[in-house]
């Protein structure tokens, strides 16, 4: 993770364990978690929330992510207004430079 033009930018890599053993999750970050990829397939994207929580259920900020920290990753639906054309024009994957359309988290399938 590095700071660029006032943004925390980078990727968080998470190795799966238990039922996700053998999978790798990559989270693309620009201050917020933008897109989550499991084995190169999107499993969550803005405007839906991609949340990292520790074993106690507390949120883990991107600036606090460190090797060895055990987290769970949650995908949470955004409010309906963000899923409208206008909402996606302001905060959808294409607006932030990704080359694909928004797919709601409940339509994506993680392992």
PDB file of N, CA and C in Angstrom:
ATOM      1  N   UNK A   1       0.854  -1.163   0.000  1.00  0.00           N
ATOM      2  CA  UNK A   1       0.000   0.000   0.000  1.00  0.00           C
ATOM      3  C   UNK A   1       0.903   1.229   0.000  1.00  0.00           C
ATOM      4  N   UNK A   2       0.535   2.220  -0.797  1.00  0.00           N
ATOM      5  CA  UNK A   2       1.315   3.454  -0.825  1.00  0.00           C
ATOM      6  C   UNK A   2       0.392   4.651  -0.987  1.00  0.00           C
ATOM      7  N   UNK A   3       0.892   5.808  -0.633  1.00  0.00           N
ATOM      8  CA  UNK A   3       0.115   7.029  -0.791  1.00  0.00           C
ATOM      9  C   UNK A   3       0.473   7.664  -2.126  1.00  0.00           C
ATOM     10  N   UNK A   4      -0.573   7.965  -2.921  1.00  0.00           N
ATOM     11  CA  UNK A   4      -0.399   8.622  -4.212  1.00  0.00           C
ATOM     12  C   UNK A   4      -1.440   9.721  -4.317  1.00  0.00           C
ATOM     13  N   UNK A   5      -0.977  10.943  -4.483  1.00  0.00           N
ATOM     14  CA  UNK A   5      -1.865  12.100  -4.668  1.00  0.00           C
ATOM     15  C   UNK A   5      -2.934  12.166  -3.581  1.00  0.00           C
ATOM     16  N   UNK A   6      -2.560  11.837  -2.357  1.00  0.00           N
ATOM     17  CA  UNK A   6      -3.482  11.926  -1.235  1.00  0.00           C
ATOM     18  C   UNK A   6      -4.366  10.704  -1.033  1.00  0.00           C
ATOM     19  N   UNK A   7      -4.178   9.670  -1.841  1.00  0.00           N
ATOM     20  CA  UNK A   7      -4.966   8.442  -1.723  1.00  0.00           C
ATOM     21  C   UNK A   7      -4.078   7.296  -1.239  1.00  0.00           C
ATOM     22  N   UNK A   8      -4.649   6.401  -0.450  1.00  0.00           N
ATOM     23  CA  UNK A   8      -4.001   5.150  -0.098  1.00  0.00           C
ATOM     24  C   UNK A   8      -4.346   4.174  -1.217  1.00  0.00           C
ATOM     25  N   UNK A   9      -3.343   3.745  -1.970  1.00  0.00           N
ATOM     26  CA  UNK A   9      -3.560   2.954  -3.175  1.00  0.00           C
ATOM     27  C   UNK A   9      -2.755   1.660  -3.096  1.00  0.00           C
ATOM     28  N   UNK A  10      -3.349   0.589  -3.571  1.00  0.00           N
ATOM     29  CA  UNK A  10      -2.635  -0.674  -3.623  1.00  0.00           C
ATOM     30  C   UNK A  10      -3.574  -1.850  -3.647  1.00  0.00           C
ATOM     31  N   UNK A  11      -3.046  -2.986  -3.201  1.00  0.00           N
ATOM     32  CA  UNK A  11      -3.809  -4.231  -3.174  1.00  0.00           C
ATOM     33  C   UNK A  11      -3.590  -4.919  -1.844  1.00  0.00           C
ATOM     34  N   UNK A  12      -4.627  -5.568  -1.371  1.00  0.00           N
ATOM     35  CA  UNK A  12      -4.537  -6.422  -0.196  1.00  0.00           C
ATOM     36  C   UNK A  12      -4.740  -7.846  -0.691  1.00  0.00           C
ATOM     37  N   UNK A  13      -3.836  -8.734  -0.334  1.00  0.00           N
ATOM     38  CA  UNK A  13      -3.928 -10.147  -0.710  1.00  0.00           C
ATOM     39  C   UNK A  13      -4.258 -10.959   0.526  1.00  0.00           C
ATOM     40  N   UNK A  14      -5.250 -11.829   0.404  1.00  0.00           N
ATOM     41  CA  UNK A  14      -5.693 -12.654   1.531  1.00  0.00           C
ATOM     42  C   UNK A  14      -5.686 -14.111   1.085  1.00  0.00           C
ATOM     43  N   UNK A  15      -4.971 -14.927   1.838  1.00  0.00           N
ATOM     44  CA  UNK A  15      -4.934 -16.368   1.572  1.00  0.00           C
ATOM     45  C   UNK A  15      -6.115 -17.017   2.272  1.00  0.00           C
ATOM     46  N   UNK A  16      -6.882 -17.812   1.532  1.00  0.00           N
ATOM     47  CA  UNK A  16      -8.042 -18.471   2.117  1.00  0.00           C
ATOM     48  C   UNK A  16      -7.640 -19.571   3.082  1.00  0.00           C
ATOM     49  N   UNK A  17      -8.495 -19.797   4.060  1.00  0.00           N
ATOM     50  CA  UNK A  17      -8.313 -20.938   4.960  1.00  0.00           C
ATOM     51  C   UNK A  17      -9.667 -21.606   5.174  1.00  0.00           C
ATOM     52  N   UNK A  18      -9.685 -22.678   5.906  1.00  0.00           N
ATOM     53  CA  UNK A  18     -10.902 -23.460   6.155  1.00  0.00           C
ATOM     54  C   UNK A  18     -11.599 -23.756   4.833  1.00  0.00           C
ATOM     55  N   UNK A  19     -12.886 -23.376   4.694  1.00  0.00           N
ATOM     56  CA  UNK A  19     -13.622 -23.708   3.474  1.00  0.00           C
ATOM     57  C   UNK A  19     -13.108 -22.972   2.240  1.00  0.00           C
ATOM     58  N   UNK A  20     -12.300 -21.945   2.410  1.00  0.00           N
ATOM     59  CA  UNK A  20     -11.716 -21.204   1.278  1.00  0.00           C
ATOM     60  C   UNK A  20     -10.251 -21.562   1.054  1.00  0.00           C
ATOM     61  N   UNK A  21      -9.794 -22.602   1.698  1.00  0.00           N
ATOM     62  CA  UNK A  21      -8.398 -23.022   1.555  1.00  0.00           C
ATOM     63  C   UNK A  21      -8.070 -23.243   0.083  1.00  0.00           C
ATOM     64  N   UNK A  22      -6.927 -22.730  -0.333  1.00  0.00           N
ATOM     65  CA  UNK A  22      -6.499 -22.858  -1.720  1.00  0.00           C
ATOM     66  C   UNK A  22      -6.907 -21.684  -2.595  1.00  0.00           C
ATOM     67  N   UNK A  23      -7.736 -20.794  -2.074  1.00  0.00           N
ATOM     68  CA  UNK A  23      -8.148 -19.610  -2.822  1.00  0.00           C
ATOM     69  C   UNK A  23      -7.351 -18.397  -2.366  1.00  0.00           C
ATOM     70  N   UNK A  24      -7.176 -17.430  -3.262  1.00  0.00           N
ATOM     71  CA  UNK A  24      -6.549 -16.142  -2.929  1.00  0.00           C
ATOM     72  C   UNK A  24      -7.516 -15.041  -3.275  1.00  0.00           C
ATOM     73  N   UNK A  25      -7.679 -14.109  -2.363  1.00  0.00           N
ATOM     74  CA  UNK A  25      -8.534 -12.955  -2.584  1.00  0.00           C
ATOM     75  C   UNK A  25      -7.649 -11.729  -2.715  1.00  0.00           C
ATOM     76  N   UNK A  26      -7.891 -10.948  -3.756  1.00  0.00           N
ATOM     77  CA  UNK A  26      -7.190  -9.678  -3.940  1.00  0.00           C
ATOM     78  C   UNK A  26      -8.220  -8.575  -3.830  1.00  0.00           C
ATOM     79  N   UNK A  27      -7.925  -7.567  -3.034  1.00  0.00           N
ATOM     80  CA  UNK A  27      -8.798  -6.409  -2.912  1.00  0.00           C
ATOM     81  C   UNK A  27      -8.049  -5.201  -3.459  1.00  0.00           C
ATOM     82  N   UNK A  28      -8.594  -4.590  -4.504  1.00  0.00           N
ATOM     83  CA  UNK A  28      -8.031  -3.367  -5.073  1.00  0.00           C
ATOM     84  C   UNK A  28      -8.493  -2.197  -4.213  1.00  0.00           C
ATOM     85  N   UNK A  29      -7.524  -1.371  -3.790  1.00  0.00           N
ATOM     86  CA  UNK A  29      -7.802  -0.301  -2.829  1.00  0.00           C
ATOM     87  C   UNK A  29      -7.450   1.057  -3.418  1.00  0.00           C
ATOM     88  N   UNK A  30      -8.339   2.006  -3.238  1.00  0.00           N
ATOM     89  CA  UNK A  30      -8.053   3.430  -3.440  1.00  0.00           C
ATOM     90  C   UNK A  30      -8.798   4.119  -2.303  1.00  0.00           C
ATOM     91  N   UNK A  31      -8.148   4.222  -1.154  1.00  0.00           N
ATOM     92  CA  UNK A  31      -8.714   4.613   0.127  1.00  0.00           C
ATOM     93  C   UNK A  31      -9.729   3.571   0.595  1.00  0.00           C
ATOM     94  N   UNK A  32     -10.696   3.259  -0.234  1.00  0.00           N
ATOM     95  CA  UNK A  32     -11.735   2.273   0.081  1.00  0.00           C
ATOM     96  C   UNK A  32     -11.441   0.988  -0.687  1.00  0.00           C
ATOM     97  N   UNK A  33     -12.116  -0.068  -0.289  1.00  0.00           N
ATOM     98  CA  UNK A  33     -12.024  -1.328  -1.017  1.00  0.00           C
ATOM     99  C   UNK A  33     -12.907  -1.227  -2.251  1.00  0.00           C
ATOM    100  N   UNK A  34     -12.293  -1.275  -3.434  1.00  0.00           N
ATOM    101  CA  UNK A  34     -13.008  -1.035  -4.680  1.00  0.00           C
ATOM    102  C   UNK A  34     -13.550  -2.313  -5.318  1.00  0.00           C
ATOM    103  N   UNK A  35     -12.679  -3.273  -5.523  1.00  0.00           N
ATOM    104  CA  UNK A  35     -13.059  -4.532  -6.166  1.00  0.00           C
ATOM    105  C   UNK A  35     -12.384  -5.663  -5.403  1.00  0.00           C
ATOM    106  N   UNK A  36     -13.133  -6.739  -5.144  1.00  0.00           N
ATOM    107  CA  UNK A  36     -12.544  -7.947  -4.560  1.00  0.00           C
ATOM    108  C   UNK A  36     -12.555  -9.031  -5.637  1.00  0.00           C
ATOM    109  N   UNK A  37     -11.405  -9.665  -5.811  1.00  0.00           N
ATOM    110  CA  UNK A  37     -11.233 -10.702  -6.823  1.00  0.00           C
ATOM    111  C   UNK A  37     -10.855 -11.999  -6.113  1.00  0.00           C
ATOM    112  N   UNK A  38     -11.537 -13.076  -6.414  1.00  0.00           N
ATOM    113  CA  UNK A  38     -11.127 -14.384  -5.903  1.00  0.00           C
ATOM    114  C   UNK A  38     -10.654 -15.186  -7.101  1.00  0.00           C
ATOM    115  N   UNK A  39      -9.379 -15.542  -7.068  1.00  0.00           N
ATOM    116  CA  UNK A  39      -8.791 -16.287  -8.181  1.00  0.00           C
ATOM    117  C   UNK A  39      -9.105 -15.623  -9.520  1.00  0.00           C
ATOM    118  N   UNK A  40      -8.913 -14.295  -9.587  1.00  0.00           N
ATOM    119  CA  UNK A  40      -9.076 -13.479 -10.792  1.00  0.00           C
ATOM    120  C   UNK A  40     -10.521 -13.284 -11.243  1.00  0.00           C
ATOM    121  N   UNK A  41     -11.495 -13.634 -10.417  1.00  0.00           N
ATOM    122  CA  UNK A  41     -12.913 -13.423 -10.737  1.00  0.00           C
ATOM    123  C   UNK A  41     -13.488 -12.432  -9.737  1.00  0.00           C
ATOM    124  N   UNK A  42     -14.181 -11.358 -10.202  1.00  0.00           N
ATOM    125  CA  UNK A  42     -14.735 -10.413  -9.235  1.00  0.00           C
ATOM    126  C   UNK A  42     -15.809 -11.056  -8.363  1.00  0.00           C
ATOM    127  N   UNK A  43     -15.731 -10.789  -7.059  1.00  0.00           N
ATOM    128  CA  UNK A  43     -16.716 -11.310  -6.106  1.00  0.00           C
ATOM    129  C   UNK A  43     -17.364 -10.191  -5.297  1.00  0.00           C
ATOM    130  N   UNK A  44     -16.943  -8.956  -5.525  1.00  0.00           N
ATOM    131  CA  UNK A  44     -17.532  -7.790  -4.879  1.00  0.00           C
ATOM    132  C   UNK A  44     -16.962  -6.550  -5.521  1.00  0.00           C
ATOM    133  N   UNK A  45     -17.788  -5.498  -5.620  1.00  0.00           N
ATOM    134  CA  UNK A  45     -17.317  -4.262  -6.252  1.00  0.00           C
ATOM    135  C   UNK A  45     -18.148  -3.075  -5.782  1.00  0.00           C
ATOM    136  N   UNK A  46     -17.543  -1.886  -5.939  1.00  0.00           N
ATOM    137  CA  UNK A  46     -18.243  -0.665  -5.595  1.00  0.00           C
ATOM    138  C   UNK A  46     -19.450  -0.496  -6.517  1.00  0.00           C
ATOM    139  N   UNK A  47     -20.531   0.052  -6.036  1.00  0.00           N
ATOM    140  CA  UNK A  47     -20.713   0.730  -4.764  1.00  0.00           C
ATOM    141  C   UNK A  47     -21.024  -0.172  -3.576  1.00  0.00           C
ATOM    142  N   UNK A  48     -21.138  -1.497  -3.787  1.00  0.00           N
ATOM    143  CA  UNK A  48     -21.337  -2.375  -2.632  1.00  0.00           C
ATOM    144  C   UNK A  48     -20.101  -2.301  -1.747  1.00  0.00           C
ATOM    145  N   UNK A  49     -20.273  -2.619  -0.492  1.00  0.00           N
ATOM    146  CA  UNK A  49     -19.167  -2.528   0.457  1.00  0.00           C
ATOM    147  C   UNK A  49     -18.405  -3.839   0.520  1.00  0.00           C
ATOM    148  N   UNK A  50     -17.098  -3.728   0.615  1.00  0.00           N
ATOM    149  CA  UNK A  50     -16.213  -4.868   0.833  1.00  0.00           C
ATOM    150  C   UNK A  50     -15.535  -4.593   2.168  1.00  0.00           C
ATOM    151  N   UNK A  51     -15.901  -5.359   3.182  1.00  0.00           N
ATOM    152  CA  UNK A  51     -15.466  -5.080   4.551  1.00  0.00           C
ATOM    153  C   UNK A  51     -14.547  -6.185   5.063  1.00  0.00           C
ATOM    154  N   UNK A  52     -13.442  -5.786   5.660  1.00  0.00           N
ATOM    155  CA  UNK A  52     -12.549  -6.716   6.329  1.00  0.00           C
ATOM    156  C   UNK A  52     -12.803  -6.607   7.825  1.00  0.00           C
ATOM    157  N   UNK A  53     -13.036  -7.734   8.471  1.00  0.00           N
ATOM    158  CA  UNK A  53     -13.255  -7.750   9.916  1.00  0.00           C
ATOM    159  C   UNK A  53     -12.325  -8.762  10.547  1.00  0.00           C
ATOM    160  N   UNK A  54     -11.905  -8.469  11.789  1.00  0.00           N
ATOM    161  CA  UNK A  54     -11.011  -9.386  12.489  1.00  0.00           C
ATOM    162  C   UNK A  54     -11.821 -10.462  13.197  1.00  0.00           C
ATOM    163  N   UNK A  55     -11.126 -11.330  13.934  1.00  0.00           N
ATOM    164  CA  UNK A  55     -11.779 -12.464  14.581  1.00  0.00           C
ATOM    165  C   UNK A  55     -12.801 -12.052  15.634  1.00  0.00           C
ATOM    166  N   UNK A  56     -12.722 -10.811  16.121  1.00  0.00           N
ATOM    167  CA  UNK A  56     -13.687 -10.300  17.094  1.00  0.00           C
ATOM    168  C   UNK A  56     -14.865  -9.596  16.419  1.00  0.00           C
ATOM    169  N   UNK A  57     -14.822  -9.470  15.102  1.00  0.00           N
ATOM    170  CA  UNK A  57     -15.883  -8.793  14.378  1.00  0.00           C
ATOM    171  C   UNK A  57     -15.648  -7.307  14.207  1.00  0.00           C
ATOM    172  N   UNK A  58     -14.484  -6.832  14.631  1.00  0.00           N
ATOM    173  CA  UNK A  58     -14.144  -5.416  14.472  1.00  0.00           C
ATOM    174  C   UNK A  58     -13.621  -5.162  13.063  1.00  0.00           C
ATOM    175  N   UNK A  59     -13.981  -3.994  12.512  1.00  0.00           N
ATOM    176  CA  UNK A  59     -13.490  -3.627  11.190  1.00  0.00           C
ATOM    177  C   UNK A  59     -11.982  -3.440  11.185  1.00  0.00           C
ATOM    178  N   UNK A  60     -11.353  -3.827  10.081  1.00  0.00           N
ATOM    179  CA  UNK A  60      -9.912  -3.649   9.899  1.00  0.00           C
ATOM    180  C   UNK A  60      -9.727  -2.652   8.764  1.00  0.00           C
ATOM    181  N   UNK A  61      -9.165  -1.495   9.082  1.00  0.00           N
ATOM    182  CA  UNK A  61      -8.938  -0.484   8.053  1.00  0.00           C
ATOM    183  C   UNK A  61      -7.777  -0.895   7.161  1.00  0.00           C
ATOM    184  N   UNK A  62      -7.748  -0.362   5.956  1.00  0.00           N
ATOM    185  CA  UNK A  62      -6.679  -0.711   5.029  1.00  0.00           C
ATOM    186  C   UNK A  62      -5.310  -0.311   5.555  1.00  0.00           C
ATOM    187  N   UNK A  63      -5.235   0.770   6.300  1.00  0.00           N
ATOM    188  CA  UNK A  63      -3.938   1.186   6.842  1.00  0.00           C
ATOM    189  C   UNK A  63      -3.470   0.258   7.966  1.00  0.00           C
ATOM    190  N   UNK A  64      -4.363  -0.573   8.497  1.00  0.00           N
ATOM    191  CA  UNK A  64      -3.998  -1.490   9.588  1.00  0.00           C
ATOM    192  C   UNK A  64      -3.767  -2.921   9.112  1.00  0.00           C
ATOM    193  N   UNK A  65      -3.960  -3.195   7.836  1.00  0.00           N
ATOM    194  CA  UNK A  65      -3.760  -4.548   7.316  1.00  0.00           C
ATOM    195  C   UNK A  65      -2.274  -4.887   7.341  1.00  0.00           C
ATOM    196  N   UNK A  66      -1.951  -6.005   7.927  1.00  0.00           N
ATOM    197  CA  UNK A  66      -0.564  -6.474   8.023  1.00  0.00           C
ATOM    198  C   UNK A  66      -0.520  -7.970   7.766  1.00  0.00           C
ATOM    199  N   UNK A  67       0.605  -8.459   7.327  1.00  0.00           N
ATOM    200  CA  UNK A  67       0.803  -9.890   7.135  1.00  0.00           C
ATOM    201  C   UNK A  67       0.549 -10.593   8.460  1.00  0.00           C
ATOM    202  N   UNK A  68      -0.201 -11.681   8.411  1.00  0.00           N
ATOM    203  CA  UNK A  68      -0.478 -12.470   9.607  1.00  0.00           C
ATOM    204  C   UNK A  68      -1.783 -12.115  10.296  1.00  0.00           C
ATOM    205  N   UNK A  69      -2.384 -10.975   9.941  1.00  0.00           N
ATOM    206  CA  UNK A  69      -3.673 -10.608  10.526  1.00  0.00           C
ATOM    207  C   UNK A  69      -4.745 -11.508   9.906  1.00  0.00           C
ATOM    208  N   UNK A  70      -5.547 -12.137  10.735  1.00  0.00           N
ATOM    209  CA  UNK A  70      -6.616 -13.011  10.254  1.00  0.00           C
ATOM    210  C   UNK A  70      -7.883 -12.183  10.108  1.00  0.00           C
ATOM    211  N   UNK A  71      -8.446 -12.203   8.902  1.00  0.00           N
ATOM    212  CA  UNK A  71      -9.657 -11.429   8.630  1.00  0.00           C
ATOM    213  C   UNK A  71     -10.690 -12.301   7.924  1.00  0.00           C
ATOM    214  N   UNK A  72     -11.924 -11.877   8.039  1.00  0.00           N
ATOM    215  CA  UNK A  72     -13.006 -12.375   7.196  1.00  0.00           C
ATOM    216  C   UNK A  72     -13.387 -11.226   6.286  1.00  0.00           C
ATOM    217  N   UNK A  73     -13.878 -11.541   5.102  1.00  0.00           N
ATOM    218  CA  UNK A  73     -14.252 -10.518   4.138  1.00  0.00           C
ATOM    219  C   UNK A  73     -15.754 -10.633   3.905  1.00  0.00           C
ATOM    220  N   UNK A  74     -16.436  -9.495   4.076  1.00  0.00           N
ATOM    221  CA  UNK A  74     -17.884  -9.453   3.914  1.00  0.00           C
ATOM    222  C   UNK A  74     -18.242  -8.562   2.723  1.00  0.00           C
ATOM    223  N   UNK A  75     -19.193  -8.989   1.937  1.00  0.00           N
ATOM    224  CA  UNK A  75     -19.765  -8.156   0.886  1.00  0.00           C
ATOM    225  C   UNK A  75     -21.135  -7.699   1.351  1.00  0.00           C
ATOM    226  N   UNK A  76     -21.362  -6.393   1.330  1.00  0.00           N
ATOM    227  CA  UNK A  76     -22.606  -5.820   1.847  1.00  0.00           C
ATOM    228  C   UNK A  76     -23.251  -4.973   0.760  1.00  0.00           C
ATOM    229  N   UNK A  77     -24.549  -5.177   0.542  1.00  0.00           N
ATOM    230  CA  UNK A  77     -25.271  -4.397  -0.471  1.00  0.00           C
ATOM    231  C   UNK A  77     -25.239  -2.908  -0.141  1.00  0.00           C
ATOM    232  N   UNK A  78     -25.054  -2.116  -1.168  1.00  0.00           N
ATOM    233  CA  UNK A  78     -25.128  -0.658  -0.994  1.00  0.00           C
ATOM    234  C   UNK A  78     -26.598  -0.247  -0.973  1.00  0.00           C
ATOM    235  N   UNK A  79     -26.886   0.954  -0.471  1.00  0.00           N
ATOM    236  CA  UNK A  79     -28.264   1.462  -0.537  1.00  0.00           C
ATOM    237  C   UNK A  79     -28.719   1.544  -1.992  1.00  0.00           C
ATOM    238  N   UNK A  80     -30.015   1.362  -2.242  1.00  0.00           N
ATOM    239  CA  UNK A  80     -30.536   1.345  -3.623  1.00  0.00           C
ATOM    240  C   UNK A  80     -30.167   2.567  -4.458  1.00  0.00           C
ATOM    241  N   UNK A  81     -30.052   3.729  -3.848  1.00  0.00           N
ATOM    242  CA  UNK A  81     -29.744   4.935  -4.632  1.00  0.00           C
ATOM    243  C   UNK A  81     -28.399   4.814  -5.358  1.00  0.00           C
ATOM    244  N   UNK A  82     -27.434   4.105  -4.759  1.00  0.00           N
ATOM    245  CA  UNK A  82     -26.125   3.941  -5.393  1.00  0.00           C
ATOM    246  C   UNK A  82     -26.181   2.970  -6.559  1.00  0.00           C
ATOM    247  N   UNK A  83     -27.224   2.177  -6.642  1.00  0.00           N
ATOM    248  CA  UNK A  83     -27.356   1.194  -7.713  1.00  0.00           C
ATOM    249  C   UNK A  83     -28.106   1.744  -8.920  1.00  0.00           C
ATOM    250  N   UNK A  84     -28.531   2.977  -8.848  1.00  0.00           N
ATOM    251  CA  UNK A  84     -29.194   3.609  -9.987  1.00  0.00           C
ATOM    252  C   UNK A  84     -28.140   4.024 -11.012  1.00  0.00           C
ATOM    253  N   UNK A  85     -28.591   4.363 -12.212  1.00  0.00           N
ATOM    254  CA  UNK A  85     -27.641   4.833 -13.231  1.00  0.00           C
ATOM    255  C   UNK A  85     -26.853   6.028 -12.718  1.00  0.00           C
ATOM    256  N   UNK A  86     -27.537   6.966 -12.099  1.00  0.00           N
ATOM    257  CA  UNK A  86     -26.860   8.164 -11.587  1.00  0.00           C
ATOM    258  C   UNK A  86     -25.842   7.795 -10.501  1.00  0.00           C
ATOM    259  N   UNK A  87     -26.226   6.907  -9.591  1.00  0.00           N
ATOM    260  CA  UNK A  87     -25.303   6.483  -8.545  1.00  0.00           C
ATOM    261  C   UNK A  87     -24.069   5.799  -9.113  1.00  0.00           C
ATOM    262  N   UNK A  88     -24.280   4.914 -10.084  1.00  0.00           N
ATOM    263  CA  UNK A  88     -23.155   4.204 -10.700  1.00  0.00           C
ATOM    264  C   UNK A  88     -22.288   5.137 -11.539  1.00  0.00           C
ATOM    265  N   UNK A  89     -22.900   6.169 -12.131  1.00  0.00           N
ATOM    266  CA  UNK A  89     -22.110   7.156 -12.876  1.00  0.00           C
ATOM    267  C   UNK A  89     -21.127   7.874 -11.949  1.00  0.00           C
ATOM    268  N   UNK A  90     -21.488   8.018 -10.678  1.00  0.00           N
ATOM    269  CA  UNK A  90     -20.627   8.699  -9.717  1.00  0.00           C
ATOM    270  C   UNK A  90     -19.675   7.754  -8.985  1.00  0.00           C
ATOM    271  N   UNK A  91     -20.103   6.517  -8.758  1.00  0.00           N
ATOM    272  CA  UNK A  91     -19.291   5.635  -7.915  1.00  0.00           C
ATOM    273  C   UNK A  91     -19.428   4.175  -8.329  1.00  0.00           C
ATOM    274  N   UNK A  92     -19.362   3.927  -9.620  1.00  0.00           N
ATOM    275  CA  UNK A  92     -19.389   2.570 -10.143  1.00  0.00           C
ATOM    276  C   UNK A  92     -18.020   2.189 -10.669  1.00  0.00           C
ATOM    277  N   UNK A  93     -17.847   0.937 -11.032  1.00  0.00           N
ATOM    278  CA  UNK A  93     -16.535   0.472 -11.514  1.00  0.00           C
ATOM    279  C   UNK A  93     -15.989   1.267 -12.706  1.00  0.00           C
ATOM    280  N   UNK A  94     -16.829   1.584 -13.674  1.00  0.00           N
ATOM    281  CA  UNK A  94     -16.353   2.327 -14.850  1.00  0.00           C
ATOM    282  C   UNK A  94     -15.887   3.732 -14.472  1.00  0.00           C
ATOM    283  N   UNK A  95     -16.567   4.374 -13.548  1.00  0.00           N
ATOM    284  CA  UNK A  95     -16.204   5.733 -13.108  1.00  0.00           C
ATOM    285  C   UNK A  95     -14.787   5.763 -12.549  1.00  0.00           C
ATOM    286  N   UNK A  96     -14.387   4.652 -11.952  1.00  0.00           N
ATOM    287  CA  UNK A  96     -13.064   4.590 -11.338  1.00  0.00           C
ATOM    288  C   UNK A  96     -12.035   3.868 -12.203  1.00  0.00           C
ATOM    289  N   UNK A  97     -12.339   3.718 -13.495  1.00  0.00           N
ATOM    290  CA  UNK A  97     -11.342   3.224 -14.426  1.00  0.00           C
ATOM    291  C   UNK A  97     -11.348   1.733 -14.704  1.00  0.00           C
ATOM    292  N   UNK A  98     -12.299   0.993 -14.140  1.00  0.00           N
ATOM    293  CA  UNK A  98     -12.381  -0.434 -14.441  1.00  0.00           C
ATOM    294  C   UNK A  98     -13.150  -0.621 -15.747  1.00  0.00           C
ATOM    295  N   UNK A  99     -12.867  -1.698 -16.454  1.00  0.00           N
ATOM    296  CA  UNK A  99     -13.407  -1.875 -17.806  1.00  0.00           C
ATOM    297  C   UNK A  99     -14.658  -2.750 -17.841  1.00  0.00           C
ATOM    298  N   UNK A 100     -15.403  -2.806 -16.765  1.00  0.00           N
ATOM    299  CA  UNK A 100     -16.593  -3.648 -16.739  1.00  0.00           C
ATOM    300  C   UNK A 100     -17.717  -2.948 -15.982  1.00  0.00           C
ATOM    301  N   UNK A 101     -18.930  -3.435 -16.223  1.00  0.00           N
ATOM    302  CA  UNK A 101     -20.121  -2.893 -15.578  1.00  0.00           C
ATOM    303  C   UNK A 101     -20.277  -3.470 -14.172  1.00  0.00           C
ATOM    304  N   UNK A 102     -21.015  -2.755 -13.367  1.00  0.00           N
ATOM    305  CA  UNK A 102     -21.348  -3.168 -12.010  1.00  0.00           C
ATOM    306  C   UNK A 102     -22.198  -4.438 -12.015  1.00  0.00           C
ATOM    307  N   UNK A 103     -21.863  -5.357 -11.126  1.00  0.00           N
ATOM    308  CA  UNK A 103     -22.670  -6.545 -10.861  1.00  0.00           C
ATOM    309  C   UNK A 103     -22.934  -6.558  -9.364  1.00  0.00           C
ATOM    310  N   UNK A 104     -24.214  -6.589  -8.948  1.00  0.00           N
ATOM    311  CA  UNK A 104     -24.525  -6.587  -7.516  1.00  0.00           C
ATOM    312  C   UNK A 104     -23.872  -7.768  -6.788  1.00  0.00           C
ATOM    313  N   UNK A 105     -23.461  -7.522  -5.551  1.00  0.00           N
ATOM    314  CA  UNK A 105     -22.751  -8.539  -4.774  1.00  0.00           C
ATOM    315  C   UNK A 105     -23.566  -9.823  -4.651  1.00  0.00           C
ATOM    316  N   UNK A 106     -24.890  -9.707  -4.562  1.00  0.00           N
ATOM    317  CA  UNK A 106     -25.703 -10.915  -4.401  1.00  0.00           C
ATOM    318  C   UNK A 106     -25.776 -11.745  -5.677  1.00  0.00           C
ATOM    319  N   UNK A 107     -25.322 -11.199  -6.818  1.00  0.00           N
ATOM    320  CA  UNK A 107     -25.278 -11.950  -8.080  1.00  0.00           C
ATOM    321  C   UNK A 107     -23.907 -12.551  -8.343  1.00  0.00           C
ATOM    322  N   UNK A 108     -22.916 -12.141  -7.566  1.00  0.00           N
ATOM    323  CA  UNK A 108     -21.571 -12.697  -7.717  1.00  0.00           C
ATOM    324  C   UNK A 108     -21.432 -13.878  -6.762  1.00  0.00           C
ATOM    325  N   UNK A 109     -20.615 -14.818  -7.126  1.00  0.00           N
ATOM    326  CA  UNK A 109     -20.497 -16.028  -6.300  1.00  0.00           C
ATOM    327  C   UNK A 109     -19.067 -16.244  -5.869  1.00  0.00           C
ATOM    328  N   UNK A 110     -18.854 -16.159  -4.577  1.00  0.00           N
ATOM    329  CA  UNK A 110     -17.540 -16.443  -4.003  1.00  0.00           C
ATOM    330  C   UNK A 110     -17.507 -17.932  -3.641  1.00  0.00           C
ATOM    331  N   UNK A 111     -16.316 -18.498  -3.547  1.00  0.00           N
ATOM    332  CA  UNK A 111     -16.221 -19.921  -3.181  1.00  0.00           C
ATOM    333  C   UNK A 111     -16.752 -20.175  -1.780  1.00  0.00           C
TER     334      UNK A 111
END
